[in-house]
Amino acid sequence: MFNLSDADLNLRILGAGDGPASFNAEMTALGYSVISVDPIYAFSTEQIAQRIRETSEPIISQVKRSPENYVWNSFSDAEALGHYRLDTMRKFLEDFNAGLATGRYLAQSLPALDFANHQFDLALCSHLLFLYSEQLSFDFHRDAIEELCRVAKEVRIFPLLALDCKESPHAGPIRSHFSKAGFTVEVVPVPYEFQKGGNKMMKITPWRKPSIPSGKQMFQV
């Protein structure tokens, strides 16, 4: 999803809105450094497991209703996708308490994070920004990305599609906003595609002092 190189894997990585994903668990097992933030981490392992059980079937049913919107290369069908999702979430649940104890999972949420400026080399945000464009406003996207740019030297967001499998209406305005603010903004193809057309990430790098006003005071780089 993020076209991570071997060099990228060795960076200080922040996973924003990671939820019950196995990325942190698998990266930690390989000896890499990841901190994941999500409001769901305020709940217990059992509470998160219950939420997973309650939402898994509705999500897969939604995919079954419109299989034409997806690329079936990584998964043979919706049932295979469901099994894969549950397996990755199981890895997360098995790692969750240990990760809480060591500070790898933190109950924080965008657009306000409790980290120092540029504490991370790379911030990754998967299936949150842009995907939930109907639920999350442009202002939320702008403020969330500004915060990610404050705490990390580079931000990558995947995918650029909303839940309807069309490009998010916020993608163009966000790209314009941050380009005008003095950031380097790129849309980069990646080798992963499940939603049709969802094979691009947005990469944002704050390379000089931003100059455009927004909903809150821009920081200085």
Protein backbone atom coordinates (compact mmCIF):
# COMPACT_ATOMS: atom_id res chain seq x y z
CA MET A 1 0.00 0.00 0.00
CA PHE A 2 2.80 2.42 0.86
CA ASN A 3 5.60 1.13 -1.40
CA LEU A 4 7.90 0.79 1.61
CA SER A 5 11.56 0.21 0.79
CA ASP A 6 14.06 -1.56 3.03
CA ALA A 7 15.31 1.88 4.06
CA ASP A 8 11.76 2.99 4.89
CA LEU A 9 11.24 -0.01 7.17
CA ASN A 10 14.16 1.13 9.32
CA LEU A 11 12.67 4.58 9.94
CA ARG A 12 10.76 5.76 13.00
CA ILE A 13 7.22 5.05 11.80
CA LEU A 14 3.87 6.30 13.06
CA GLY A 15 0.74 4.40 12.07
CA ALA A 16 -2.21 6.81 12.29
CA GLY A 17 -5.65 5.29 12.71
CA ASP A 18 -4.20 1.79 12.60
CA GLY A 19 -7.14 0.13 14.34
CA PRO A 20 -7.03 -3.66 14.78
CA ALA A 21 -4.42 -4.23 12.05
CA SER A 22 -1.38 -6.50 12.31
CA PHE A 23 1.17 -4.03 10.87
CA ASN A 24 2.62 -3.07 14.25
CA ALA A 25 2.74 -6.66 15.49
CA GLU A 26 4.45 -7.95 12.36
CA MET A 27 6.91 -5.04 12.13
CA THR A 28 7.82 -5.43 15.81
CA ALA A 29 8.43 -9.14 15.34
CA LEU A 30 10.88 -8.25 12.57
CA GLY A 31 12.73 -5.79 14.81
CA TYR A 32 11.41 -2.53 13.37
CA SER A 33 10.03 0.53 15.21
CA VAL A 34 6.35 1.44 14.89
CA ILE A 35 3.99 3.37 17.15
CA SER A 36 0.29 3.04 16.32
CA VAL A 37 -2.41 5.49 17.40
CA ASP A 38 -6.15 4.96 17.36
CA PRO A 39 -8.99 5.83 19.76
CA ILE A 40 -9.97 2.15 19.79
CA TYR A 41 -6.89 1.40 21.89
CA ALA A 42 -8.66 2.87 24.91
CA PHE A 43 -10.76 -0.32 25.01
CA SER A 44 -9.83 -3.76 26.32
CA THR A 45 -8.78 -6.69 24.16
CA GLU A 46 -12.15 -8.35 24.65
CA GLN A 47 -14.05 -5.19 23.83
CA ILE A 48 -12.08 -4.77 20.60
CA ALA A 49 -12.58 -8.46 19.77
CA GLN A 50 -16.33 -8.06 20.27
CA ARG A 51 -16.35 -5.06 17.96
CA ILE A 52 -14.49 -7.08 15.33
CA ARG A 53 -17.09 -9.86 15.58
CA GLU A 54 -19.93 -7.39 15.22
CA THR A 55 -18.55 -5.58 12.17
CA SER A 56 -16.86 -8.35 10.15
CA GLU A 57 -19.97 -9.78 8.51
CA PRO A 58 -21.50 -6.41 7.51
CA ILE A 59 -18.22 -5.37 5.89
CA ILE A 60 -17.89 -8.57 3.87
CA SER A 61 -21.58 -8.44 2.92
CA GLN A 62 -21.03 -4.96 1.51
CA VAL A 63 -18.17 -6.28 -0.64
CA LYS A 64 -20.34 -9.19 -1.84
CA ARG A 65 -23.02 -6.76 -3.03
CA SER A 66 -20.64 -5.03 -5.46
CA PRO A 67 -17.80 -7.44 -6.40
CA GLU A 68 -17.29 -5.54 -9.65
CA ASN A 69 -15.75 -2.67 -7.69
CA TYR A 70 -12.80 -4.77 -6.57
CA VAL A 71 -9.73 -6.43 -8.06
CA TRP A 72 -9.62 -10.11 -7.14
CA ASN A 73 -5.90 -10.75 -7.47
CA SER A 74 -4.93 -10.90 -3.79
CA PHE A 75 -8.15 -12.66 -2.76
CA SER A 76 -10.21 -15.22 -4.65
CA ASP A 77 -13.54 -13.94 -3.35
CA ALA A 78 -15.20 -12.07 -0.48
CA GLU A 79 -15.04 -15.09 1.80
CA ALA A 80 -11.27 -15.34 1.34
CA LEU A 81 -11.02 -11.62 2.10
CA GLY A 82 -13.02 -12.15 5.28
CA HIS A 83 -10.74 -14.97 6.45
CA TYR A 84 -7.66 -12.86 5.76
CA ARG A 85 -9.06 -9.88 7.67
CA LEU A 86 -9.88 -12.02 10.68
CA ASP A 87 -6.40 -13.58 10.64
CA THR A 88 -4.68 -10.18 10.64
CA MET A 89 -6.94 -8.97 13.43
CA ARG A 90 -6.14 -12.09 15.44
CA LYS A 91 -2.43 -11.22 15.17
CA PHE A 92 -3.25 -7.74 16.45
CA LEU A 93 -5.28 -9.06 19.40
CA GLU A 94 -2.50 -11.44 20.40
CA ASP A 95 -0.02 -8.54 20.41
CA PHE A 96 -2.25 -5.83 21.85
CA ASN A 97 -1.56 -6.14 25.59
CA ALA A 98 2.19 -6.40 25.06
CA GLY A 99 2.09 -3.40 22.75
CA LEU A 100 0.11 -1.37 25.26
CA ALA A 101 2.65 -2.15 27.97
CA THR A 102 5.55 -0.95 25.84
CA GLY A 103 3.78 2.10 24.41
CA ARG A 104 3.47 0.80 20.86
CA TYR A 105 -0.32 1.23 20.90
CA LEU A 106 -1.55 4.63 22.08
CA ALA A 107 -5.17 5.77 22.44
CA GLN A 108 -4.89 9.01 20.48
CA SER A 109 -6.86 10.36 17.56
CA LEU A 110 -6.46 12.85 14.77
CA PRO A 111 -6.39 15.76 14.38
CA ALA A 112 -4.50 16.26 17.69
CA LEU A 113 -1.58 14.01 18.62
CA ASP A 114 0.61 14.13 21.71
CA PHE A 115 4.00 13.97 20.01
CA ALA A 116 6.88 16.37 19.48
CA ASN A 117 7.52 18.08 16.16
CA HIS A 118 9.06 15.62 13.70
CA GLN A 119 9.26 12.89 16.31
CA PHE A 120 8.79 10.39 13.47
CA ASP A 121 10.46 10.01 10.11
CA LEU A 122 7.37 8.63 8.41
CA ALA A 123 3.62 8.71 9.15
CA LEU A 124 1.36 6.20 7.43
CA CYS A 125 -2.42 6.50 7.29
CA SER A 126 -4.32 3.60 5.74
CA HIS A 127 -8.06 3.41 5.01
CA LEU A 128 -9.11 6.39 7.10
CA LEU A 129 -8.43 9.72 5.41
CA PHE A 130 -10.11 9.99 1.98
CA LEU A 131 -11.86 6.62 2.41
CA TYR A 132 -14.42 8.10 4.83
CA SER A 133 -14.93 11.32 2.90
CA GLU A 134 -18.66 11.38 3.53
CA GLN A 135 -18.18 11.09 7.29
CA LEU A 136 -15.04 13.26 7.62
CA SER A 137 -15.09 16.82 6.30
CA PHE A 138 -12.45 18.64 4.28
CA ASP A 139 -11.58 20.64 7.40
CA PHE A 140 -10.95 17.42 9.32
CA HIS A 141 -8.74 16.08 6.51
CA ARG A 142 -6.78 19.35 6.35
CA ASP A 143 -6.26 19.54 10.12
CA ALA A 144 -5.40 15.85 10.42
CA ILE A 145 -2.80 16.03 7.65
CA GLU A 146 -1.31 19.22 9.08
CA GLU A 147 -0.90 17.39 12.38
CA LEU A 148 0.71 14.38 10.70
CA CYS A 149 3.10 16.75 8.92
CA ARG A 150 3.95 18.33 12.26
CA VAL A 151 4.93 15.06 13.93
CA ALA A 152 6.54 13.34 10.92
CA LYS A 153 9.00 14.32 8.21
CA GLU A 154 6.93 12.58 5.55
CA VAL A 155 3.28 11.52 5.35
CA ARG A 156 1.80 8.80 3.14
CA ILE A 157 -1.95 8.24 2.77
CA PHE A 158 -3.66 5.28 1.06
CA PRO A 159 -6.01 4.97 -0.77
CA LEU A 160 -7.29 8.13 -2.46
CA LEU A 161 -10.71 6.53 -3.03
CA ALA A 162 -13.81 6.90 -0.89
CA LEU A 163 -16.07 4.03 0.12
CA ASP A 164 -17.97 4.32 -3.18
CA CYS A 165 -14.73 3.39 -4.99
CA LYS A 166 -14.54 6.85 -6.58
CA GLU A 167 -11.76 9.34 -5.92
CA SER A 168 -12.40 11.24 -2.73
CA PRO A 169 -13.82 14.75 -3.31
CA HIS A 170 -11.24 15.93 -0.76
CA ALA A 171 -8.20 14.56 -2.64
CA GLY A 172 -7.87 17.39 -5.17
CA PRO A 173 -8.51 20.24 -2.70
CA ILE A 174 -6.09 18.70 -0.18
CA ARG A 175 -3.40 18.40 -2.81
CA SER A 176 -3.95 22.02 -3.86
CA HIS A 177 -4.03 23.29 -0.27
CA PHE A 178 -0.75 21.70 0.77
CA SER A 179 1.01 22.51 -2.49
CA LYS A 180 0.13 26.18 -2.03
CA ALA A 181 1.33 25.95 1.56
CA GLY A 182 4.82 25.02 0.40
CA PHE A 183 4.68 21.26 0.81
CA THR A 184 5.81 18.74 -1.76
CA VAL A 185 2.70 16.73 -2.66
CA GLU A 186 2.89 13.69 -4.92
CA VAL A 187 0.38 11.06 -6.04
CA VAL A 188 2.41 7.88 -6.38
CA PRO A 189 1.33 4.53 -7.92
CA VAL A 190 1.75 1.53 -5.60
CA PRO A 191 1.77 -2.21 -6.38
CA TYR A 192 -1.33 -2.98 -4.27
CA GLU A 193 -4.88 -2.64 -5.60
CA PHE A 194 -8.10 -4.02 -4.12
CA GLN A 195 -10.61 -1.25 -4.80
CA LYS A 196 -10.56 -0.75 -8.58
CA GLY A 197 -8.42 2.30 -9.24
CA GLY A 198 -7.22 2.32 -5.64
CA ASN A 199 -3.56 1.84 -6.45
CA LYS A 200 -2.22 5.26 -5.57
CA MET A 201 -1.01 6.93 -2.38
CA MET A 202 -0.54 10.58 -1.57
CA LYS A 203 2.92 11.49 -0.30
CA ILE A 204 3.32 14.83 1.48
CA THR A 205 6.65 16.26 2.57
CA PRO A 206 6.95 19.57 4.46
CA TRP A 207 10.12 20.82 2.78
CA ARG A 208 9.89 24.52 3.57
CA LYS A 209 8.01 26.93 5.79
CA PRO A 210 4.25 26.78 5.04
CA SER A 211 2.68 30.12 4.22
CA ILE A 212 -1.04 29.54 3.72
CA PRO A 213 -3.49 30.12 6.59
CA SER A 214 -5.87 27.33 7.53
CA GLY A 215 -8.26 26.29 10.28
CA LYS A 216 -5.43 26.42 12.81
CA GLN A 217 -1.95 27.97 13.01
CA MET A 218 0.46 26.26 10.62
CA PHE A 219 3.74 25.20 12.18
CA GLN A 220 7.19 26.20 10.98
CA VAL A 221 9.47 23.58 9.45
